[in-house]
């Protein structure tokens, strides 16, 4: 990390967790609530009623940093399954099969799962480490 950024490491990691959770929750909102836009027609029930709640609730929990390691691990697994079920069968490379976002979310959430919530989180305030 660049020396000038080192003092901001904790804050930047918290922003990464919050922003990724925030963007993720809207995928679930779209599937379950039709907001901010209606989900594409013809989505399988599995996607709507399993992935939707995980995305919505998981995204909210990541934003607030509650049960972060477990939630991020679950979301990472969801994105791995989404990639192989919806994208990986289409072509080899994510650029070709439209699965870049699923791959990025998968590994981002896996990293968050291994690193924990960090500052600005319910987990940190509950453990008294903030």
Protein backbone atom coordinates (compact mmCIF):
# COMPACT_ATOMS: atom_id res chain seq x y z
CA UNK A 1 0.00 0.00 0.00
CA UNK A 2 1.23 3.47 -0.79
CA UNK A 3 2.67 5.09 2.33
CA UNK A 4 0.26 8.03 2.19
CA UNK A 5 -2.72 5.65 2.17
CA UNK A 6 -1.57 3.48 5.09
CA UNK A 7 -3.22 5.62 7.80
CA UNK A 8 -6.57 5.17 6.02
CA UNK A 9 -6.43 1.39 5.74
CA UNK A 10 -9.19 0.72 8.29
CA UNK A 11 -11.51 3.38 6.91
CA UNK A 12 -10.99 2.28 3.31
CA UNK A 13 -11.69 -1.35 4.21
CA UNK A 14 -14.88 -0.29 6.01
CA UNK A 15 -15.91 1.69 2.91
CA UNK A 16 -15.25 -1.38 0.76
CA UNK A 17 -17.51 -3.51 2.98
CA UNK A 18 -20.25 -0.88 3.17
CA UNK A 19 -20.31 -0.01 -0.53
CA UNK A 20 -20.16 -3.64 -1.68
CA UNK A 21 -23.02 -4.55 0.68
CA UNK A 22 -24.99 -1.52 -0.47
CA UNK A 23 -24.65 -2.37 -4.16
CA UNK A 24 -25.38 -6.05 -3.46
CA UNK A 25 -28.60 -5.44 -1.54
CA UNK A 26 -30.19 -3.74 -4.58
CA UNK A 27 -29.93 -6.97 -6.58
CA UNK A 28 -32.11 -8.64 -3.96
CA UNK A 29 -34.45 -5.66 -3.81
CA UNK A 30 -34.89 -5.84 -7.56
CA UNK A 31 -35.74 -9.55 -7.42
CA UNK A 32 -38.09 -9.42 -4.42
CA UNK A 33 -39.59 -5.94 -4.50
CA UNK A 34 -39.25 -4.84 -8.11
CA UNK A 35 -37.35 -1.78 -6.93
CA UNK A 36 -35.45 0.19 -8.20
CA UNK A 37 -36.32 -1.62 -11.42
CA UNK A 38 -38.25 -4.76 -12.22
CA UNK A 39 -36.20 -7.94 -12.43
CA UNK A 40 -35.93 -9.52 -15.87
CA UNK A 41 -38.95 -11.63 -16.75
CA UNK A 42 -38.68 -15.38 -16.51
CA UNK A 43 -36.24 -15.66 -13.63
CA UNK A 44 -36.44 -19.12 -12.06
CA UNK A 45 -38.10 -19.31 -8.63
CA UNK A 46 -34.79 -20.48 -7.16
CA UNK A 47 -33.17 -17.20 -8.18
CA UNK A 48 -36.02 -15.04 -6.91
CA UNK A 49 -36.82 -16.80 -3.63
CA UNK A 50 -33.37 -18.08 -2.61
CA UNK A 51 -30.89 -15.63 -4.11
CA UNK A 52 -33.13 -12.59 -3.63
CA UNK A 53 -33.37 -12.79 0.17
CA UNK A 54 -29.68 -13.65 0.52
CA UNK A 55 -28.77 -10.62 -1.57
CA UNK A 56 -31.18 -8.26 0.19
CA UNK A 57 -30.65 -9.33 3.79
CA UNK A 58 -27.00 -10.21 3.26
CA UNK A 59 -26.34 -6.82 1.71
CA UNK A 60 -28.00 -5.03 4.62
CA UNK A 61 -26.04 -7.07 7.16
CA UNK A 62 -22.80 -6.32 5.34
CA UNK A 63 -23.57 -2.60 5.30
CA UNK A 64 -24.07 -2.53 9.06
CA UNK A 65 -21.34 -5.09 9.68
CA UNK A 66 -23.36 -7.65 11.62
CA UNK A 67 -22.29 -11.34 11.56
CA UNK A 68 -20.00 -10.20 8.78
CA UNK A 69 -17.78 -13.25 8.37
CA UNK A 70 -20.68 -15.71 8.05
CA UNK A 71 -22.80 -13.43 5.88
CA UNK A 72 -19.93 -12.65 3.52
CA UNK A 73 -19.11 -16.37 3.25
CA UNK A 74 -22.73 -17.17 2.37
CA UNK A 75 -22.85 -14.36 -0.20
CA UNK A 76 -19.55 -15.53 -1.69
CA UNK A 77 -20.94 -19.05 -2.11
CA UNK A 78 -24.12 -17.67 -3.64
CA UNK A 79 -22.09 -15.75 -6.21
CA UNK A 80 -19.95 -18.81 -6.99
CA UNK A 81 -23.10 -20.85 -7.59
CA UNK A 82 -24.63 -18.03 -9.65
CA UNK A 83 -21.55 -17.89 -11.81
CA UNK A 84 -21.45 -21.61 -12.54
CA UNK A 85 -25.21 -21.98 -12.99
CA UNK A 86 -25.88 -18.90 -15.11
CA UNK A 87 -22.61 -17.82 -16.70
CA UNK A 88 -19.97 -20.55 -16.63
CA UNK A 89 -21.90 -22.80 -18.98
CA UNK A 90 -22.06 -20.09 -21.67
CA UNK A 91 -18.34 -19.52 -22.33
CA UNK A 92 -15.00 -19.94 -20.59
CA UNK A 93 -14.09 -16.34 -19.78
CA UNK A 94 -16.21 -14.06 -17.59
CA UNK A 95 -15.86 -11.32 -20.20
CA UNK A 96 -17.49 -13.62 -22.74
CA UNK A 97 -20.25 -15.01 -20.53
CA UNK A 98 -21.26 -11.84 -18.66
CA UNK A 99 -20.17 -13.17 -15.30
CA UNK A 100 -17.63 -10.52 -14.28
CA UNK A 101 -19.83 -9.10 -11.53
CA UNK A 102 -20.53 -12.54 -10.05
CA UNK A 103 -16.80 -13.36 -10.00
CA UNK A 104 -15.89 -10.02 -8.43
CA UNK A 105 -18.60 -10.30 -5.77
CA UNK A 106 -17.58 -13.90 -5.06
CA UNK A 107 -13.95 -13.06 -4.34
CA UNK A 108 -14.70 -9.73 -2.68
CA UNK A 109 -17.06 -11.42 -0.22
CA UNK A 110 -14.57 -14.24 0.32
CA UNK A 111 -11.97 -11.61 1.26
CA UNK A 112 -14.42 -9.86 3.59
CA UNK A 113 -15.25 -13.21 5.16
CA UNK A 114 -11.60 -13.81 5.93
CA UNK A 115 -10.97 -10.26 7.18
CA UNK A 116 -14.08 -9.60 9.27
CA UNK A 117 -16.12 -6.44 9.62
CA UNK A 118 -13.46 -3.94 10.57
CA UNK A 119 -14.33 -0.53 11.99
CA UNK A 120 -17.73 1.16 11.69
CA UNK A 121 -19.59 -2.09 12.27
CA UNK A 122 -21.95 -3.72 14.73
CA UNK A 123 -19.45 -6.56 15.11
CA UNK A 124 -16.69 -4.16 16.19
CA UNK A 125 -18.94 -2.32 18.63
CA UNK A 126 -20.18 -5.59 20.14
CA UNK A 127 -16.67 -6.88 20.70
CA UNK A 128 -15.46 -3.53 21.99
CA UNK A 129 -12.61 -3.39 19.49
CA UNK A 130 -13.62 -0.10 17.92
